Amino acid sequence: MALYYSLVFGLLIFEMSLFVMMVFPFPKKWRRVVFMKIDESGIIRKNQWIINVVGVFVFILFADSINRMIKASAEADQANLADPRTDTQLHVKKFYSQRNMYLTGFTLFLSLILDRTFSILMDLFLAEEKLEKIKGQGKGNLNKETKNMEENDMKQKKRIAELTDEIAQLKSNARDSETLKKKTEDQAKEYLKLADEHIELQNTKVKSEE
């Protein structure tokens, strides 16, 4: 295998390792922390031009391997028509061309899958983070509303107790007023009775003197 195809094979192994890390069921919190750190660090964005250059290089090798495979297939077919005893080298050449095509093609395809999978995971993690924030805010608002309701309930109970005391005091004052009124009326009747007796005595005295 040529050096550049060996490098492509190494790149393929690296991509497969990354893909396994992405889809392996690691703890959810650990995965989120790792991928969020990678995204925040900007490693991918800073090295995007390197990724693009490598992608173009692999695509050129992919196109070249397709061209070589077509030529090798045509040569093998012509050799079979000319001589049934096909040269082994033509079959080997065709096999290597097919191998290189599959190697470079799968490397390109997996790079696209990795990019899309990473984007989906980041969208998922961001959505989960927003959902947790919304839940936290909702819980805080609920606790605040519950506290306000409890405070209002206590104020209402206190006000009811104050009004109850005022009503009791007013009733007591009303009873005292009735008692005082009755006592005053009794005293007035007694005074009138005494006044009548006094007048009667005065009249009796005057008559006796005459």
C-alpha atoms as a PDB file:
ATOM      1  CA  MET A   1       0.000   0.000   0.000  1.00  0.00           C
ATOM      2  CA  ALA A   2       1.318   3.418  -0.981  1.00  0.00           C
ATOM      3  CA  LEU A   3       2.125   5.942   1.748  1.00  0.00           C
ATOM      4  CA  TYR A   4      -0.846   8.196   1.002  1.00  0.00           C
ATOM      5  CA  TYR A   5      -3.254   5.270   1.136  1.00  0.00           C
ATOM      6  CA  SER A   6      -1.683   4.231   4.439  1.00  0.00           C
ATOM      7  CA  LEU A   7      -2.381   7.757   5.724  1.00  0.00           C
ATOM      8  CA  VAL A   8      -5.975   7.474   4.495  1.00  0.00           C
ATOM      9  CA  PHE A   9      -6.298   4.150   6.299  1.00  0.00           C
ATOM     10  CA  GLY A  10      -4.988   5.767   9.492  1.00  0.00           C
ATOM     11  CA  LEU A  11      -7.511   8.589   9.033  1.00  0.00           C
ATOM     12  CA  LEU A  12     -10.267   6.003   8.626  1.00  0.00           C
ATOM     13  CA  ILE A  13      -9.274   4.279  11.879  1.00  0.00           C
ATOM     14  CA  PHE A  14      -9.261   7.673  13.636  1.00  0.00           C
ATOM     15  CA  GLU A  15     -12.726   8.514  12.291  1.00  0.00           C
ATOM     16  CA  MET A  16     -14.071   5.119  13.360  1.00  0.00           C
ATOM     17  CA  SER A  17     -12.690   5.669  16.863  1.00  0.00           C
ATOM     18  CA  LEU A  18     -14.376   9.083  17.069  1.00  0.00           C
ATOM     19  CA  PHE A  19     -17.660   7.652  15.838  1.00  0.00           C
ATOM     20  CA  VAL A  20     -17.546   4.872  18.443  1.00  0.00           C
ATOM     21  CA  MET A  21     -16.929   7.501  21.146  1.00  0.00           C
ATOM     22  CA  MET A  22     -19.938   9.486  19.917  1.00  0.00           C
ATOM     23  CA  VAL A  23     -22.403   6.591  19.867  1.00  0.00           C
ATOM     24  CA  PHE A  24     -21.046   4.569  22.809  1.00  0.00           C
ATOM     25  CA  PRO A  25     -23.428   4.747  25.810  1.00  0.00           C
ATOM     26  CA  PHE A  26     -21.158   6.683  28.145  1.00  0.00           C
ATOM     27  CA  PRO A  27     -22.779   8.467  31.119  1.00  0.00           C
ATOM     28  CA  LYS A  28     -24.939  11.280  29.775  1.00  0.00           C
ATOM     29  CA  LYS A  29     -23.412  13.972  31.973  1.00  0.00           C
ATOM     30  CA  TRP A  30     -19.857  12.943  31.052  1.00  0.00           C
ATOM     31  CA  ARG A  31     -20.616  12.980  27.325  1.00  0.00           C
ATOM     32  CA  ARG A  32     -22.235  16.392  27.561  1.00  0.00           C
ATOM     33  CA  VAL A  33     -19.295  17.893  29.456  1.00  0.00           C
ATOM     34  CA  VAL A  34     -16.729  16.474  27.004  1.00  0.00           C
ATOM     35  CA  PHE A  35     -18.517  17.561  23.827  1.00  0.00           C
ATOM     36  CA  MET A  36     -19.432  20.974  25.229  1.00  0.00           C
ATOM     37  CA  LYS A  37     -15.774  21.549  26.161  1.00  0.00           C
ATOM     38  CA  ILE A  38     -14.677  20.520  22.659  1.00  0.00           C
ATOM     39  CA  ASP A  39     -17.204  22.883  21.081  1.00  0.00           C
ATOM     40  CA  GLU A  40     -16.355  25.786  23.412  1.00  0.00           C
ATOM     41  CA  SER A  41     -12.611  25.360  22.877  1.00  0.00           C
ATOM     42  CA  GLY A  42     -13.049  26.009  19.137  1.00  0.00           C
ATOM     43  CA  ILE A  43     -10.595  23.265  18.128  1.00  0.00           C
ATOM     44  CA  ILE A  44     -12.733  22.243  15.168  1.00  0.00           C
ATOM     45  CA  ARG A  45     -13.319  25.817  13.962  1.00  0.00           C
ATOM     46  CA  LYS A  46      -9.646  26.771  14.302  1.00  0.00           C
ATOM     47  CA  ASN A  47      -8.506  23.725  12.299  1.00  0.00           C
ATOM     48  CA  GLN A  48     -11.344  23.779   9.768  1.00  0.00           C
ATOM     49  CA  TRP A  49      -8.990  24.649   6.916  1.00  0.00           C
ATOM     50  CA  ILE A  50      -6.845  21.583   7.699  1.00  0.00           C
ATOM     51  CA  ILE A  51      -9.955  19.395   7.671  1.00  0.00           C
ATOM     52  CA  ASN A  52     -10.981  20.879   4.315  1.00  0.00           C
ATOM     53  CA  VAL A  53      -7.525  20.263   2.800  1.00  0.00           C
ATOM     54  CA  VAL A  54      -7.528  16.643   4.003  1.00  0.00           C
ATOM     55  CA  GLY A  55     -11.051  16.186   2.617  1.00  0.00           C
ATOM     56  CA  VAL A  56     -10.024  17.511  -0.797  1.00  0.00           C
ATOM     57  CA  PHE A  57      -6.943  15.254  -0.767  1.00  0.00           C
ATOM     58  CA  VAL A  58      -9.032  12.161   0.027  1.00  0.00           C
ATOM     59  CA  PHE A  59     -11.598  13.120  -2.620  1.00  0.00           C
ATOM     60  CA  ILE A  60      -8.845  13.371  -5.255  1.00  0.00           C
ATOM     61  CA  LEU A  61      -7.608   9.915  -4.257  1.00  0.00           C
ATOM     62  CA  PHE A  62     -11.179   8.622  -4.432  1.00  0.00           C
ATOM     63  CA  ALA A  63     -11.649   9.979  -7.962  1.00  0.00           C
ATOM     64  CA  ASP A  64      -8.261   8.591  -9.016  1.00  0.00           C
ATOM     65  CA  SER A  65      -9.074   5.153  -7.576  1.00  0.00           C
ATOM     66  CA  ILE A  66     -12.356   5.066  -9.513  1.00  0.00           C
ATOM     67  CA  ASN A  67     -10.523   5.960 -12.717  1.00  0.00           C
ATOM     68  CA  ARG A  68      -7.884   3.279 -12.077  1.00  0.00           C
ATOM     69  CA  MET A  69     -10.550   0.680 -11.279  1.00  0.00           C
ATOM     70  CA  ILE A  70     -12.392   1.391 -14.538  1.00  0.00           C
ATOM     71  CA  LYS A  71      -9.167   1.077 -16.519  1.00  0.00           C
ATOM     72  CA  ALA A  72      -8.152  -2.107 -14.692  1.00  0.00           C
ATOM     73  CA  SER A  73     -11.584  -3.658 -15.314  1.00  0.00           C
ATOM     74  CA  ALA A  74     -11.393  -2.803 -19.014  1.00  0.00           C
ATOM     75  CA  GLU A  75      -7.878  -4.250 -19.291  1.00  0.00           C
ATOM     76  CA  ALA A  76      -8.940  -7.428 -17.475  1.00  0.00           C
ATOM     77  CA  ASP A  77     -11.946  -7.882 -19.774  1.00  0.00           C
ATOM     78  CA  GLN A  78      -9.811  -7.391 -22.866  1.00  0.00           C
ATOM     79  CA  ALA A  79      -7.246  -9.854 -21.557  1.00  0.00           C
ATOM     80  CA  ASN A  80      -9.989 -12.447 -20.931  1.00  0.00           C
ATOM     81  CA  LEU A  81     -11.227 -12.049 -24.510  1.00  0.00           C
ATOM     82  CA  ALA A  82      -7.750 -12.273 -25.967  1.00  0.00           C
ATOM     83  CA  ASP A  83      -6.456 -15.074 -23.786  1.00  0.00           C
ATOM     84  CA  PRO A  84      -8.494 -17.180 -21.326  1.00  0.00           C
ATOM     85  CA  ARG A  85      -5.392 -17.472 -19.196  1.00  0.00           C
ATOM     86  CA  THR A  86      -5.775 -14.005 -17.722  1.00  0.00           C
ATOM     87  CA  ASP A  87      -2.686 -12.407 -16.347  1.00  0.00           C
ATOM     88  CA  THR A  88      -2.693 -12.465 -12.561  1.00  0.00           C
ATOM     89  CA  GLN A  89      -1.241  -8.983 -12.398  1.00  0.00           C
ATOM     90  CA  LEU A  90      -4.353  -7.523 -14.046  1.00  0.00           C
ATOM     91  CA  HIS A  91      -6.587  -9.086 -11.401  1.00  0.00           C
ATOM     92  CA  VAL A  92      -4.283  -7.865  -8.644  1.00  0.00           C
ATOM     93  CA  LYS A  93      -4.315  -4.376 -10.152  1.00  0.00           C
ATOM     94  CA  LYS A  94      -8.103  -4.464 -10.328  1.00  0.00           C
ATOM     95  CA  PHE A  95      -8.325  -5.676  -6.719  1.00  0.00           C
ATOM     96  CA  TYR A  96      -6.055  -2.886  -5.440  1.00  0.00           C
ATOM     97  CA  SER A  97      -8.030  -0.297  -7.389  1.00  0.00           C
ATOM     98  CA  GLN A  98     -11.282  -1.528  -5.851  1.00  0.00           C
ATOM     99  CA  ARG A  99      -9.727  -1.622  -2.395  1.00  0.00           C
ATOM    100  CA  ASN A 100      -8.470   1.950  -2.722  1.00  0.00           C
ATOM    101  CA  MET A 101     -11.870   3.106  -3.975  1.00  0.00           C
ATOM    102  CA  TYR A 102     -13.677   1.531  -1.006  1.00  0.00           C
ATOM    103  CA  LEU A 103     -11.059   2.871   1.420  1.00  0.00           C
ATOM    104  CA  THR A 104     -11.217   6.484   0.231  1.00  0.00           C
ATOM    105  CA  GLY A 105     -14.978   6.400  -0.367  1.00  0.00           C
ATOM    106  CA  PHE A 106     -15.793   5.083   3.072  1.00  0.00           C
ATOM    107  CA  THR A 107     -13.395   7.614   4.634  1.00  0.00           C
ATOM    108  CA  LEU A 108     -15.219  10.473   2.903  1.00  0.00           C
ATOM    109  CA  PHE A 109     -18.630   9.058   3.818  1.00  0.00           C
ATOM    110  CA  LEU A 110     -17.658   8.572   7.464  1.00  0.00           C
ATOM    111  CA  SER A 111     -16.312  12.133   7.668  1.00  0.00           C
ATOM    112  CA  LEU A 112     -19.739  13.419   6.593  1.00  0.00           C
ATOM    113  CA  ILE A 113     -21.441  11.170   9.155  1.00  0.00           C
ATOM    114  CA  LEU A 114     -19.111  12.423  11.898  1.00  0.00           C
ATOM    115  CA  ASP A 115     -19.821  16.058  11.069  1.00  0.00           C
ATOM    116  CA  ARG A 116     -23.583  15.508  11.062  1.00  0.00           C
ATOM    117  CA  THR A 117     -23.536  13.362  14.214  1.00  0.00           C
ATOM    118  CA  PHE A 118     -21.515  15.974  16.104  1.00  0.00           C
ATOM    119  CA  SER A 119     -23.947  18.714  15.040  1.00  0.00           C
ATOM    120  CA  ILE A 120     -26.951  16.640  16.156  1.00  0.00           C
ATOM    121  CA  LEU A 121     -25.351  15.868  19.517  1.00  0.00           C
ATOM    122  CA  MET A 122     -24.522  19.531  20.128  1.00  0.00           C
ATOM    123  CA  ASP A 123     -28.081  20.573  19.264  1.00  0.00           C
ATOM    124  CA  LEU A 124     -29.369  17.889  21.632  1.00  0.00           C
ATOM    125  CA  PHE A 125     -27.090  18.959  24.490  1.00  0.00           C
ATOM    126  CA  LEU A 126     -27.970  22.642  24.035  1.00  0.00           C
ATOM    127  CA  ALA A 127     -31.686  21.808  23.994  1.00  0.00           C
ATOM    128  CA  GLU A 128     -31.325  19.738  27.179  1.00  0.00           C
ATOM    129  CA  GLU A 129     -29.385  22.570  28.838  1.00  0.00           C
ATOM    130  CA  LYS A 130     -32.103  25.095  27.931  1.00  0.00           C
ATOM    131  CA  LEU A 131     -34.776  22.697  29.187  1.00  0.00           C
ATOM    132  CA  GLU A 132     -33.000  22.317  32.527  1.00  0.00           C
ATOM    133  CA  LYS A 133     -32.728  26.116  32.858  1.00  0.00           C
ATOM    134  CA  ILE A 134     -36.436  26.513  32.091  1.00  0.00           C
ATOM    135  CA  LYS A 135     -37.305  23.832  34.647  1.00  0.00           C
ATOM    136  CA  GLY A 136     -35.095  25.553  37.233  1.00  0.00           C
ATOM    137  CA  GLN A 137     -36.704  28.928  36.556  1.00  0.00           C
ATOM    138  CA  GLY A 138     -40.171  27.380  36.718  1.00  0.00           C
ATOM    139  CA  LYS A 139     -39.355  25.715  40.022  1.00  0.00           C
ATOM    140  CA  GLY A 140     -37.985  28.981  41.414  1.00  0.00           C
ATOM    141  CA  ASN A 141     -41.079  30.891  40.298  1.00  0.00           C
ATOM    142  CA  LEU A 142     -43.309  28.205  41.794  1.00  0.00           C
ATOM    143  CA  ASN A 143     -41.475  28.411  45.118  1.00  0.00           C
ATOM    144  CA  LYS A 144     -41.744  32.202  45.051  1.00  0.00           C
ATOM    145  CA  GLU A 145     -45.466  32.062  44.285  1.00  0.00           C
ATOM    146  CA  THR A 146     -45.989  29.490  47.031  1.00  0.00           C
ATOM    147  CA  LYS A 147     -44.136  31.709  49.499  1.00  0.00           C
ATOM    148  CA  ASN A 148     -46.197  34.738  48.469  1.00  0.00           C
ATOM    149  CA  MET A 149     -49.407  32.744  48.854  1.00  0.00           C
ATOM    150  CA  GLU A 150     -48.361  31.620  52.327  1.00  0.00           C
ATOM    151  CA  GLU A 151     -47.530  35.209  53.308  1.00  0.00           C
ATOM    152  CA  ASN A 152     -50.884  36.440  51.974  1.00  0.00           C
ATOM    153  CA  ASP A 153     -52.662  33.642  53.818  1.00  0.00           C
ATOM    154  CA  MET A 154     -50.941  34.608  57.068  1.00  0.00           C
ATOM    155  CA  LYS A 155     -51.856  38.272  56.537  1.00  0.00           C
ATOM    156  CA  GLN A 156     -55.478  37.341  55.878  1.00  0.00           C
ATOM    157  CA  LYS A 157     -55.619  35.154  58.980  1.00  0.00           C
ATOM    158  CA  LYS A 158     -54.119  37.983  61.049  1.00  0.00           C
ATOM    159  CA  ARG A 159     -56.636  40.451  59.615  1.00  0.00           C
ATOM    160  CA  ILE A 160     -59.509  38.055  60.338  1.00  0.00           C
ATOM    161  CA  ALA A 161     -58.318  37.714  63.942  1.00  0.00           C
ATOM    162  CA  GLU A 162     -58.144  41.513  64.275  1.00  0.00           C
ATOM    163  CA  LEU A 163     -61.651  41.916  62.855  1.00  0.00           C
ATOM    164  CA  THR A 164     -62.936  39.192  65.182  1.00  0.00           C
ATOM    165  CA  ASP A 165     -61.472  41.052  68.170  1.00  0.00           C
ATOM    166  CA  GLU A 166     -63.009  44.314  66.973  1.00  0.00           C
ATOM    167  CA  ILE A 167     -66.420  42.674  66.585  1.00  0.00           C
ATOM    168  CA  ALA A 168     -66.162  41.191  70.079  1.00  0.00           C
ATOM    169  CA  GLN A 169     -65.181  44.598  71.478  1.00  0.00           C
ATOM    170  CA  LEU A 170     -68.089  46.276  69.693  1.00  0.00           C
ATOM    171  CA  LYS A 171     -70.492  43.660  71.014  1.00  0.00           C
ATOM    172  CA  SER A 172     -69.115  44.210  74.518  1.00  0.00           C
ATOM    173  CA  ASN A 173     -69.498  47.969  74.151  1.00  0.00           C
ATOM    174  CA  ALA A 174     -73.034  47.475  72.858  1.00  0.00           C
ATOM    175  CA  ARG A 175     -73.899  45.359  75.885  1.00  0.00           C
ATOM    176  CA  ASP A 176     -72.383  47.988  78.190  1.00  0.00           C
ATOM    177  CA  SER A 177     -74.404  50.687  76.431  1.00  0.00           C
ATOM    178  CA  GLU A 178     -77.628  48.712  76.881  1.00  0.00           C
ATOM    179  CA  THR A 179     -76.829  48.183  80.552  1.00  0.00           C
ATOM    180  CA  LEU A 180     -76.047  51.877  81.048  1.00  0.00           C
ATOM    181  CA  LYS A 181     -79.202  52.879  79.193  1.00  0.00           C
ATOM    182  CA  LYS A 182     -81.330  50.563  81.305  1.00  0.00           C
ATOM    183  CA  LYS A 183     -79.691  51.829  84.489  1.00  0.00           C
ATOM    184  CA  THR A 184     -80.282  55.419  83.424  1.00  0.00           C
ATOM    185  CA  GLU A 185     -83.929  54.693  82.701  1.00  0.00           C
ATOM    186  CA  ASP A 186     -84.322  53.028  86.116  1.00  0.00           C
ATOM    187  CA  GLN A 187     -82.701  56.009  87.827  1.00  0.00           C
ATOM    188  CA  ALA A 188     -84.950  58.385  85.894  1.00  0.00           C
ATOM    189  CA  LYS A 189     -88.047  56.425  86.970  1.00  0.00           C
ATOM    190  CA  GLU A 190     -86.832  56.410  90.548  1.00  0.00           C
ATOM    191  CA  TYR A 191     -86.204  60.146  90.379  1.00  0.00           C
ATOM    192  CA  LEU A 192     -89.684  60.798  89.010  1.00  0.00           C
ATOM    193  CA  LYS A 193     -91.196  58.609  91.706  1.00  0.00           C
ATOM    194  CA  LEU A 194     -89.316  60.489  94.417  1.00  0.00           C
ATOM    195  CA  ALA A 195     -90.302  63.804  92.861  1.00  0.00           C
ATOM    196  CA  ASP A 196     -93.975  62.789  92.875  1.00  0.00           C
ATOM    197  CA  GLU A 197     -93.737  61.700  96.517  1.00  0.00           C
ATOM    198  CA  HIS A 198     -92.061  64.976  97.396  1.00  0.00           C
ATOM    199  CA  ILE A 199     -94.785  66.994  95.697  1.00  0.00           C
ATOM    200  CA  GLU A 200     -97.462  64.937  97.415  1.00  0.00           C
ATOM    201  CA  LEU A 201     -95.839  65.543 100.801  1.00  0.00           C
ATOM    202  CA  GLN A 202     -95.677  69.265 100.103  1.00  0.00           C
ATOM    203  CA  ASN A 203     -99.338  69.327  99.195  1.00  0.00           C
ATOM    204  CA  THR A 204    -100.241  67.384 102.341  1.00  0.00           C
ATOM    205  CA  LYS A 205     -98.253  69.819 104.497  1.00  0.00           C
ATOM    206  CA  VAL A 206     -99.953  72.834 102.977  1.00  0.00           C
ATOM    207  CA  LYS A 207    -103.396  71.377 103.596  1.00  0.00           C
ATOM    208  CA  SER A 208    -102.583  70.582 107.205  1.00  0.00           C
ATOM    209  CA  GLU A 209    -101.464  74.141 107.888  1.00  0.00           C
ATOM    210  CA  GLU A 210    -104.713  75.534 106.551  1.00  0.00           C
END
